[in-house]
Amino acid sequence: MAKNYTAYTQIKSGLQSGEISTESLVKGYLQQIKQNAHLNVFNEVFDTEALTAAKEIDAKIANGTAGKLAGMVIAIKDNICYKGHKVTASSKILENFTSIYSSTVVERLLAEDAVIIGRANCDEFAMGAANENSFFGPVKNYADATRVSGGSSGGSAVAVQAGMCHAAIGTDTGGSVRQPAAFCGVIGLKPTYGRISRHGVISYASSFDQVGPITKSVADAALLLEVLAGADEFDGTLSQQPVPEAKNLKKENDKKKIAYMQEALSSPGVDADVKATLTQYIDKLRADGHTVKPISFELLDYLVPTYYILAMAEASSNLARYDGVHYGYRSPNATDLESTYKLSRSEGFGKEVKRRIMLGTFVLSAGYYDAYYAKAQKVRRLIQDKTNEILKEFDFILTPTAPEPAFALGLKEKDPVVTYLHDIFTVQASLSGMPAISLPAGNNGKGLPLGLQLLTKSFGEQELLNFSEYFLQL
């Protein structure tokens, strides 16, 4: 079965020896998708198109003209535009909307002969930590179908976890690639802000959103980063820094200085198995000669409030375009311009999206702007400065990716604040714009995957990936 390939190098050698073909791989993945339809991973599967593309790529492999990703079958999150295909961000308000252009990331994947097998379910407009806020229903965890997949890129993570594709592309605003990767026992990389083009990615919070790969091997994350990253004339926020090349990936075993947040071990809100796993890895790193020290991050309590004030403010602005006039859903009950706006938005958006738009509008309103939004921007700078200060002394910051393993479906829906606190360890990298990776760290007693996160300085992806390759062998 196709799902047994953990690294693209295995696929590549099989394709070159003629042992497998891209077409047979796609058929294997399609079979897995069919068998696991109950997990609700895909909003749409491009079955016929994927098989046609596979045949074309097999011909390219035969005549030696295939790209870097030939034979890699990829799922894309349903907030990434692909010309001629529907893109909904898992929202009713974009139901049946067809994209008129492709995002830069899709163009780069196709240019290197990847096969896109479908668009993966996600939280509506990427807003959520459980993939329960989707118009198409929740994505279930392959390890235990009564549990959440994590969010917002839950469909992308389960697609890789369950062998429905080889790798997937998600987006990470406050942890939306890393947290589902942890819940599903796979690797999730959030690159430095400005590393990968956001052109053609439906915006949630523009100063945070970043595209990231979800894979089963560090080498595949490095390869996808190499293909996706780099300058793009359509995104003015992109860095001109050189892009790390996958061939430079090496298992780094130089002695490093690693900081870990002592709150991760002392806080009652962190699950006992998560604490035990973190302690185990700290001991392994020390035994291997690395310097591992506890640090106290005094701004920890401000991370989640700062992130949500800023992200919701940006969301309220970005989502103003979905008004029932330009495109997407328009209420059949509308009678004039005002009722078109009101009814289309209230019928088209889900509960969580409406909550975030309203809170975002509130913090940007006259009289509250300085008290909330302006203050949050100042705290964001303090968080960035403090993180930079730590990374002058240490190479990496090690934390759990999430405070607990995947929780039961429906459990957290009643109290949004409880769900927001799930981002406690992931939003630091988002607020500071730094790269972070979630790495699988075994399972708990119930067989649920656990993940640990490594964070490093801006544009330090090469060092992060090198150390991750070593870390997974501990």
Protein backbone atom coordinates (compact mmCIF):
# COMPACT_ATOMS: atom_id res chain seq x y z
CA MET A 1 0.00 0.00 0.00
CA ALA A 2 1.11 3.54 -0.79
CA LYS A 3 0.68 4.61 2.83
CA ASN A 4 3.82 2.68 3.89
CA TYR A 5 6.13 5.21 2.23
CA THR A 6 7.39 7.52 4.95
CA ALA A 7 9.88 9.39 2.76
CA TYR A 8 9.77 10.63 -0.81
CA THR A 9 13.22 9.11 -1.46
CA GLN A 10 11.59 5.65 -1.14
CA ILE A 11 8.96 6.61 -3.73
CA LYS A 12 11.58 8.10 -6.02
CA SER A 13 13.75 4.98 -6.05
CA GLY A 14 10.65 2.81 -6.64
CA LEU A 15 9.64 5.00 -9.59
CA GLN A 16 13.14 4.95 -11.07
CA SER A 17 13.44 1.16 -10.77
CA GLY A 18 9.99 0.73 -12.30
CA GLU A 19 8.77 -1.16 -9.21
CA ILE A 20 5.91 1.36 -8.84
CA SER A 21 4.31 4.04 -10.99
CA THR A 22 2.74 7.39 -10.10
CA GLU A 23 -0.55 5.99 -11.40
CA SER A 24 -0.41 2.98 -9.04
CA LEU A 25 0.42 5.33 -6.13
CA VAL A 26 -2.57 7.56 -6.90
CA LYS A 27 -4.85 4.49 -7.12
CA GLY A 28 -3.58 3.33 -3.72
CA TYR A 29 -4.25 6.72 -2.13
CA LEU A 30 -7.72 6.91 -3.71
CA GLN A 31 -8.51 3.52 -2.21
CA GLN A 32 -7.41 4.75 1.24
CA ILE A 33 -9.60 7.84 0.84
CA LYS A 34 -12.58 5.67 -0.03
CA GLN A 35 -12.00 3.26 2.86
CA ASN A 36 -11.72 6.12 5.35
CA ALA A 37 -14.51 8.36 4.04
CA HIS A 38 -16.00 8.37 7.58
CA LEU A 39 -13.08 10.56 8.75
CA ASN A 40 -14.41 13.40 6.56
CA VAL A 41 -10.95 14.47 5.41
CA PHE A 42 -11.64 15.84 1.93
CA ASN A 43 -14.13 18.47 0.79
CA GLU A 44 -13.42 17.30 -2.77
CA VAL A 45 -11.24 14.57 -4.31
CA PHE A 46 -9.78 15.19 -7.77
CA ASP A 47 -9.77 11.48 -8.65
CA THR A 48 -10.02 11.52 -12.47
CA GLU A 49 -7.75 14.52 -12.79
CA ALA A 50 -5.13 13.02 -10.44
CA LEU A 51 -5.03 9.79 -12.46
CA THR A 52 -4.62 11.74 -15.73
CA ALA A 53 -1.80 13.81 -14.21
CA ALA A 54 -0.16 10.63 -12.88
CA LYS A 55 0.00 9.10 -16.38
CA GLU A 56 1.59 12.29 -17.76
CA ILE A 57 4.16 12.32 -14.96
CA ASP A 58 5.01 8.64 -15.52
CA ALA A 59 5.76 9.53 -19.16
CA LYS A 60 8.03 12.39 -17.97
CA ILE A 61 9.85 10.04 -15.58
CA ALA A 62 10.37 7.58 -18.46
CA ASN A 63 11.96 10.24 -20.67
CA GLY A 64 13.94 11.92 -17.88
CA THR A 65 12.16 15.29 -17.83
CA ALA A 66 10.32 14.95 -14.49
CA GLY A 67 10.46 17.65 -11.80
CA LYS A 68 11.71 17.51 -8.20
CA LEU A 69 8.37 16.28 -6.84
CA ALA A 70 7.47 13.75 -9.58
CA GLY A 71 5.33 11.04 -8.00
CA MET A 72 4.63 12.98 -4.81
CA VAL A 73 0.88 12.99 -4.21
CA ILE A 74 -0.26 16.01 -2.20
CA ALA A 75 -3.47 17.28 -0.59
CA ILE A 76 -4.02 21.04 -0.33
CA LYS A 77 -6.00 22.78 2.38
CA ASP A 78 -9.31 24.16 1.15
CA ASN A 79 -8.22 27.78 1.56
CA ILE A 80 -5.55 27.55 -1.16
CA CYS A 81 -6.69 28.63 -4.64
CA TYR A 82 -6.29 26.25 -7.59
CA LYS A 83 -7.47 27.61 -10.93
CA GLY A 84 -10.66 26.01 -12.26
CA HIS A 85 -11.30 24.25 -8.93
CA LYS A 86 -13.65 25.10 -6.11
CA VAL A 87 -12.18 26.77 -3.02
CA THR A 88 -14.46 27.36 -0.04
CA ALA A 89 -12.29 27.75 3.11
CA SER A 90 -14.87 25.22 4.44
CA SER A 91 -17.50 27.98 4.59
CA LYS A 92 -21.05 28.17 3.28
CA ILE A 93 -20.34 31.75 2.17
CA LEU A 94 -17.97 30.41 -0.53
CA GLU A 95 -20.05 27.35 -1.40
CA ASN A 96 -19.54 26.47 -5.10
CA PHE A 97 -17.05 29.31 -5.64
CA THR A 98 -14.53 28.40 -8.36
CA SER A 99 -11.08 29.98 -8.30
CA ILE A 100 -10.12 32.00 -11.38
CA TYR A 101 -6.38 31.71 -10.70
CA SER A 102 -3.91 29.45 -8.88
CA SER A 103 -1.99 30.38 -5.77
CA THR A 104 1.78 30.64 -6.07
CA VAL A 105 2.18 27.50 -3.91
CA VAL A 106 -0.04 25.44 -6.24
CA GLU A 107 1.83 26.72 -9.30
CA ARG A 108 5.16 25.76 -7.71
CA LEU A 109 3.93 22.27 -6.78
CA LEU A 110 2.60 21.62 -10.27
CA ALA A 111 5.76 23.02 -11.90
CA GLU A 112 7.75 20.30 -10.09
CA ASP A 113 5.26 17.56 -11.12
CA ALA A 114 3.47 16.95 -7.82
CA VAL A 115 -0.01 15.41 -8.13
CA ILE A 116 -2.74 17.29 -6.24
CA ILE A 117 -5.28 14.69 -5.11
CA GLY A 118 -7.89 16.94 -3.50
CA ARG A 119 -8.78 19.81 -1.20
CA ALA A 120 -8.71 18.99 2.48
CA ASN A 121 -11.34 19.97 5.02
CA CYS A 122 -10.37 22.65 7.56
CA ASP A 123 -11.90 24.94 10.16
CA GLU A 124 -13.99 27.65 8.46
CA PHE A 125 -11.61 30.38 7.23
CA ALA A 126 -8.88 28.53 9.20
CA MET A 127 -10.43 29.63 12.50
CA GLY A 128 -10.22 26.84 15.06
CA ALA A 129 -8.07 24.33 16.92
CA ALA A 130 -10.17 21.20 16.42
CA ASN A 131 -11.48 21.24 12.82
CA GLU A 132 -15.00 21.30 14.27
CA ASN A 133 -15.86 24.72 12.79
CA SER A 134 -16.20 23.45 9.22
CA PHE A 135 -19.40 23.86 7.20
CA PHE A 136 -18.69 20.30 5.98
CA GLY A 137 -18.53 18.83 9.49
CA PRO A 138 -15.56 17.85 11.68
CA VAL A 139 -12.51 15.87 10.57
CA LYS A 140 -11.95 12.80 12.76
CA ASN A 141 -8.62 11.52 13.98
CA TYR A 142 -7.35 8.34 12.27
CA ALA A 143 -5.86 7.11 15.59
CA ASP A 144 -9.30 7.32 17.26
CA ALA A 145 -12.35 8.46 15.29
CA THR A 146 -14.06 9.78 18.45
CA ARG A 147 -11.28 12.40 18.77
CA VAL A 148 -10.60 15.67 16.97
CA SER A 149 -7.91 15.98 14.33
CA GLY A 150 -6.70 19.37 15.55
CA GLY A 151 -7.10 22.56 13.61
CA SER A 152 -7.33 24.38 11.49
CA SER A 153 -5.44 22.16 9.01
CA GLY A 154 -7.05 18.98 10.40
CA GLY A 155 -7.92 17.51 7.00
CA SER A 156 -4.36 18.00 5.76
CA ALA A 157 -2.90 16.31 8.87
CA VAL A 158 -5.25 13.29 8.82
CA ALA A 159 -4.72 12.87 5.06
CA VAL A 160 -1.00 12.27 5.76
CA GLN A 161 -1.63 10.32 8.99
CA ALA A 162 -4.05 7.90 7.27
CA GLY A 163 -2.01 7.43 4.09
CA MET A 164 -4.51 9.22 1.82
CA CYS A 165 -1.63 11.15 0.20
CA HIS A 166 2.10 11.36 0.72
CA ALA A 167 2.26 14.95 2.02
CA ALA A 168 -0.12 17.85 2.50
CA ILE A 169 -0.04 21.63 2.51
CA GLY A 170 -1.69 23.53 5.33
CA THR A 171 -1.67 27.09 6.62
CA ASP A 172 -0.54 28.18 10.07
CA THR A 173 -1.85 31.41 11.63
CA GLY A 174 -1.54 30.59 15.34
CA GLY A 175 -0.53 26.92 15.20
CA SER A 176 -2.81 25.51 12.50
CA VAL A 177 -0.15 23.29 10.90
CA ARG A 178 1.72 22.35 14.09
CA GLN A 179 -1.14 21.49 16.45
CA PRO A 180 -2.97 19.06 14.08
CA ALA A 181 0.42 17.55 13.19
CA ALA A 182 0.95 16.85 16.91
CA PHE A 183 -2.55 15.37 17.30
CA CYS A 184 -1.98 13.12 14.27
CA GLY A 185 1.61 12.01 14.90
CA VAL A 186 3.13 13.66 11.82
CA ILE A 187 5.58 16.52 11.15
CA GLY A 188 4.26 20.07 10.74
CA LEU A 189 6.51 22.99 9.80
CA LYS A 190 5.61 26.67 10.13
CA PRO A 191 8.32 28.58 8.25
CA THR A 192 9.42 32.12 9.09
CA TYR A 193 6.79 34.72 8.21
CA GLY A 194 7.60 35.92 4.69
CA ARG A 195 9.30 32.69 3.63
CA ILE A 196 6.47 31.29 1.44
CA SER A 197 4.13 33.35 -0.76
CA ARG A 198 0.59 33.95 0.52
CA HIS A 199 -0.64 34.92 -2.95
CA GLY A 200 -3.82 32.95 -3.64
CA VAL A 201 -4.23 31.80 -0.03
CA ILE A 202 -7.54 32.99 1.45
CA SER A 203 -6.59 35.44 4.19
CA TYR A 204 -7.50 35.08 7.84
CA ALA A 205 -4.93 37.28 9.61
CA SER A 206 -2.46 38.65 7.08
CA SER A 207 0.40 39.46 9.47
CA PHE A 208 0.37 35.88 10.81
CA ASP A 209 -0.75 33.54 7.97
CA GLN A 210 2.00 31.25 6.68
CA VAL A 211 1.86 28.20 4.41
CA GLY A 212 3.54 25.06 5.76
CA PRO A 213 4.06 21.41 4.79
CA ILE A 214 2.76 18.38 6.72
CA THR A 215 4.86 15.27 6.13
CA LYS A 216 6.09 12.00 7.63
CA SER A 217 9.80 12.82 7.25
CA VAL A 218 11.97 15.88 7.90
CA ALA A 219 13.59 15.41 4.47
CA ASP A 220 10.18 15.83 2.80
CA ALA A 221 9.46 18.98 4.83
CA ALA A 222 12.85 20.33 3.67
CA LEU A 223 12.13 19.45 0.03
CA LEU A 224 8.68 21.07 0.07
CA LEU A 225 10.11 24.18 1.76
CA GLU A 226 12.73 24.44 -0.99
CA VAL A 227 10.06 24.17 -3.72
CA LEU A 228 7.51 26.52 -2.11
CA ALA A 229 9.73 29.24 -0.63
CA GLY A 230 11.33 32.21 -2.31
CA ALA A 231 10.54 35.55 -3.87
CA ASP A 232 7.20 36.13 -5.61
CA GLU A 233 6.17 39.38 -7.29
CA PHE A 234 2.57 38.88 -6.06
CA ASP A 235 3.47 39.02 -2.34
CA GLY A 236 5.20 42.15 -1.10
CA THR A 237 5.82 40.68 2.37
CA LEU A 238 8.18 38.02 1.03
CA SER A 239 11.80 37.91 2.11
CA GLN A 240 14.69 37.92 -0.33
CA GLN A 241 16.71 35.63 1.96
CA PRO A 242 18.25 32.57 0.28
CA VAL A 243 16.03 29.48 0.47
CA PRO A 244 17.35 26.39 2.30
CA GLU A 245 18.03 23.51 -0.08
CA ALA A 246 16.92 19.99 0.80
CA LYS A 247 20.31 18.58 -0.23
CA ASN A 248 21.90 20.54 2.64
CA LEU A 249 19.87 18.62 5.24
CA LYS A 250 22.19 16.78 7.60
CA LYS A 251 21.62 15.07 10.92
CA GLU A 252 23.03 17.74 13.20
CA ASN A 253 24.71 16.33 16.32
CA ASP A 254 26.83 19.32 17.32
CA LYS A 255 26.17 20.16 20.94
CA LYS A 256 23.35 22.68 21.21
CA LYS A 257 21.92 24.97 23.86
CA ILE A 258 18.23 24.35 24.31
CA ALA A 259 15.79 26.27 26.49
CA TYR A 260 12.50 24.81 27.69
CA MET A 261 9.65 26.62 29.36
CA GLN A 262 9.44 25.52 32.96
CA GLU A 263 5.73 26.48 32.92
CA ALA A 264 5.19 23.54 30.53
CA LEU A 265 6.16 21.22 33.40
CA SER A 266 4.68 23.17 36.32
CA SER A 267 1.31 24.24 34.88
CA PRO A 268 -1.71 22.17 36.00
CA GLY A 269 -3.22 22.80 32.54
CA VAL A 270 -0.65 20.56 30.84
CA ASP A 271 -1.52 16.85 30.55
CA ALA A 272 0.61 14.42 32.64
CA ASP A 273 1.65 12.35 29.59
CA VAL A 274 2.71 15.52 27.75
CA LYS A 275 4.85 16.55 30.74
CA ALA A 276 6.36 13.06 31.00
CA THR A 277 7.24 13.06 27.28
CA LEU A 278 8.86 16.50 27.50
CA THR A 279 10.88 15.39 30.56
CA GLN A 280 11.98 12.22 28.76
CA TYR A 281 13.30 14.20 25.77
CA ILE A 282 15.03 16.74 28.03
CA ASP A 283 16.83 13.82 29.75
CA LYS A 284 17.79 12.27 26.39
CA LEU A 285 19.19 15.56 25.10
CA ARG A 286 21.21 16.10 28.29
CA ALA A 287 22.51 12.52 28.17
CA ASP A 288 23.68 13.22 24.62
CA GLY A 289 25.75 16.18 25.77
CA HIS A 290 23.45 19.12 24.95
CA THR A 291 22.89 21.98 27.40
CA VAL A 292 19.20 22.02 28.32
CA LYS A 293 18.02 24.72 30.72
CA PRO A 294 14.63 25.83 32.05
CA ILE A 295 13.55 29.39 31.35
CA SER A 296 10.57 31.35 32.59
CA PHE A 297 8.76 33.30 29.91
CA GLU A 298 7.14 36.07 31.92
CA LEU A 299 4.92 37.12 28.99
CA LEU A 300 3.37 33.63 28.72
CA ASP A 301 -0.01 34.80 30.08
CA TYR A 302 -0.14 37.51 27.40
CA LEU A 303 0.55 35.27 24.41
CA VAL A 304 -2.99 34.02 23.75
CA PRO A 305 -4.84 37.33 24.48
CA THR A 306 -2.38 39.30 22.30
CA TYR A 307 -2.66 36.82 19.45
CA TYR A 308 -6.47 36.73 19.50
CA ILE A 309 -6.91 40.52 19.68
CA LEU A 310 -4.65 41.02 16.64
CA ALA A 311 -5.84 38.00 14.65
CA MET A 312 -9.52 38.84 15.17
CA ALA A 313 -8.94 42.47 14.21
CA GLU A 314 -7.27 41.37 10.97
CA ALA A 315 -10.00 38.78 10.35
CA SER A 316 -12.78 41.36 10.69
CA SER A 317 -11.04 43.45 8.04
CA ASN A 318 -10.18 40.54 5.70
CA LEU A 319 -13.66 39.00 5.84
CA ALA A 320 -15.46 42.27 5.01
CA ARG A 321 -15.19 41.30 1.31
CA TYR A 322 -17.69 38.44 1.75
CA ASP A 323 -20.78 40.59 1.53
CA GLY A 324 -23.17 38.77 -0.81
CA VAL A 325 -22.47 41.33 -3.54
CA HIS A 326 -19.05 40.56 -5.02
CA TYR A 327 -19.05 36.74 -5.05
CA GLY A 328 -19.98 33.70 -3.00
CA TYR A 329 -23.24 33.09 -1.16
CA ARG A 330 -26.08 35.60 -1.49
CA SER A 331 -29.18 35.20 0.68
CA PRO A 332 -32.32 34.36 -1.34
CA ASN A 333 -34.31 36.35 1.25
CA ALA A 334 -32.55 39.65 0.56
CA THR A 335 -34.74 42.51 -0.71
CA ASP A 336 -32.34 45.48 -0.84
CA LEU A 337 -28.65 46.31 -0.37
CA GLU A 338 -28.75 46.41 3.43
CA SER A 339 -30.61 43.12 3.76
CA THR A 340 -28.22 41.55 1.20
CA TYR A 341 -25.27 42.40 3.46
CA LYS A 342 -26.96 41.42 6.71
CA LEU A 343 -28.63 38.20 5.61
CA SER A 344 -25.84 36.91 3.37
CA ARG A 345 -23.24 37.30 6.12
CA SER A 346 -25.41 36.02 8.97
CA GLU A 347 -26.54 32.97 6.94
CA GLY A 348 -23.19 32.36 5.22
CA PHE A 349 -20.76 32.54 8.15
CA GLY A 350 -20.58 29.95 10.93
CA LYS A 351 -20.80 30.70 14.64
CA GLU A 352 -17.04 30.91 15.36
CA VAL A 353 -16.32 33.13 12.35
CA LYS A 354 -19.11 35.51 13.38
CA ARG A 355 -17.73 35.60 16.92
CA ARG A 356 -14.25 36.52 15.66
CA ILE A 357 -15.53 39.18 13.23
CA MET A 358 -17.56 40.81 16.02
CA LEU A 359 -14.67 40.76 18.49
CA GLY A 360 -12.30 42.06 15.82
CA THR A 361 -14.67 44.88 14.92
CA PHE A 362 -15.01 45.74 18.61
CA VAL A 363 -11.25 46.01 19.25
CA LEU A 364 -10.84 48.23 16.17
CA SER A 365 -13.75 50.51 17.02
CA ALA A 366 -13.33 54.12 18.15
CA GLY A 367 -12.81 54.29 21.89
CA TYR A 368 -11.43 50.74 22.12
CA TYR A 369 -8.68 50.80 19.47
CA ASP A 370 -6.01 52.19 21.82
CA ALA A 371 -7.11 50.07 24.77
CA TYR A 372 -6.95 46.79 22.84
CA TYR A 373 -5.49 46.78 19.34
CA ALA A 374 -2.72 49.37 19.80
CA LYS A 375 -1.74 47.86 23.14
CA ALA A 376 -1.66 44.33 21.67
CA GLN A 377 0.71 45.55 18.93
CA LYS A 378 3.07 46.88 21.62
CA VAL A 379 2.92 43.58 23.53
CA ARG A 380 3.60 41.72 20.29
CA ARG A 381 6.84 43.65 19.95
CA LEU A 382 7.78 42.82 23.56
CA ILE A 383 7.12 39.12 22.89
CA GLN A 384 9.27 39.26 19.75
CA ASP A 385 12.09 41.07 21.58
CA LYS A 386 11.99 38.65 24.53
CA THR A 387 12.03 35.62 22.18
CA ASN A 388 14.98 37.09 20.27
CA GLU A 389 16.77 37.67 23.55
CA ILE A 390 16.34 33.99 24.54
CA LEU A 391 17.54 32.87 21.09
CA LYS A 392 20.74 34.91 21.44
CA GLU A 393 21.71 32.62 24.30
CA PHE A 394 20.03 29.39 23.10
CA ASP A 395 19.79 27.63 19.73
CA PHE A 396 16.24 26.38 20.21
CA ILE A 397 13.22 26.67 22.49
CA LEU A 398 11.59 23.31 23.23
CA THR A 399 7.94 23.09 24.32
CA PRO A 400 5.01 20.70 23.95
CA THR A 401 3.12 21.54 20.74
CA ALA A 402 -0.21 21.36 22.58
CA PRO A 403 -1.06 21.10 26.30
CA GLU A 404 -2.84 17.77 25.81
CA PRO A 405 -3.36 15.05 23.18
CA ALA A 406 -6.37 15.05 20.82
CA PHE A 407 -9.53 15.60 22.85
CA ALA A 408 -13.00 14.13 22.27
CA LEU A 409 -15.19 15.55 19.49
CA GLY A 410 -17.64 18.16 20.80
CA LEU A 411 -15.87 18.45 24.15
CA LYS A 412 -14.51 22.01 23.91
CA GLU A 413 -17.16 23.55 21.66
CA LYS A 414 -19.16 24.91 24.56
CA ASP A 415 -16.42 27.26 25.80
CA PRO A 416 -14.39 29.02 23.10
CA VAL A 417 -11.86 30.36 25.63
CA VAL A 418 -10.85 26.79 26.56
CA THR A 419 -10.23 26.09 22.87
CA TYR A 420 -8.25 29.32 22.42
CA LEU A 421 -5.92 28.27 25.26
CA HIS A 422 -4.90 25.25 23.17
CA ASP A 423 -2.70 27.68 21.25
CA ILE A 424 -0.63 28.58 24.33
CA PHE A 425 2.61 27.02 23.04
CA THR A 426 2.19 27.66 19.31
CA VAL A 427 1.34 31.38 19.20
CA GLN A 428 4.78 32.52 20.38
CA ALA A 429 6.30 31.60 17.00
CA SER A 430 3.32 33.20 15.23
CA LEU A 431 3.53 36.48 17.13
CA SER A 432 7.29 36.71 16.65
CA GLY A 433 7.19 35.48 13.01
CA MET A 434 9.77 32.79 13.74
CA PRO A 435 9.98 29.26 12.33
CA ALA A 436 8.78 26.32 14.45
CA ILE A 437 8.25 22.63 13.83
CA SER A 438 6.07 20.02 15.54
CA LEU A 439 7.71 16.61 15.73
CA PRO A 440 6.02 13.32 16.67
CA ALA A 441 7.08 12.14 20.14
CA GLY A 442 5.36 8.77 20.52
CA ASN A 443 1.89 7.96 21.81
CA ASN A 444 0.24 8.04 25.21
CA GLY A 445 -1.25 4.96 26.91
CA LYS A 446 -4.45 5.29 24.84
CA GLY A 447 -2.51 5.24 21.57
CA LEU A 448 -3.00 8.96 20.95
CA PRO A 449 -0.06 10.76 19.29
CA LEU A 450 1.93 13.39 21.19
CA GLY A 451 4.05 16.15 19.67
CA LEU A 452 6.90 18.40 20.78
CA GLN A 453 7.76 21.75 19.24
CA LEU A 454 11.12 23.32 18.43
CA LEU A 455 11.32 27.06 17.75
CA THR A 456 14.35 28.94 16.44
CA LYS A 457 15.44 32.36 15.18
CA SER A 458 13.99 33.95 12.03
CA PHE A 459 15.13 32.30 8.80
CA GLY A 460 16.86 29.53 10.79
CA GLU A 461 14.95 26.76 8.98
CA GLN A 462 18.11 24.96 7.88
CA GLU A 463 19.35 24.59 11.48
CA LEU A 464 15.82 23.72 12.65
CA LEU A 465 15.42 20.96 10.06
CA ASN A 466 18.94 19.60 10.66
CA PHE A 467 18.31 19.36 14.40
CA SER A 468 14.82 17.89 13.85
CA GLU A 469 16.36 15.08 11.79
CA TYR A 470 18.62 14.29 14.77
CA PHE A 471 15.85 14.84 17.36
CA LEU A 472 13.62 12.18 15.79
CA GLN A 473 16.41 9.59 16.25
CA LEU A 474 16.71 10.22 20.00
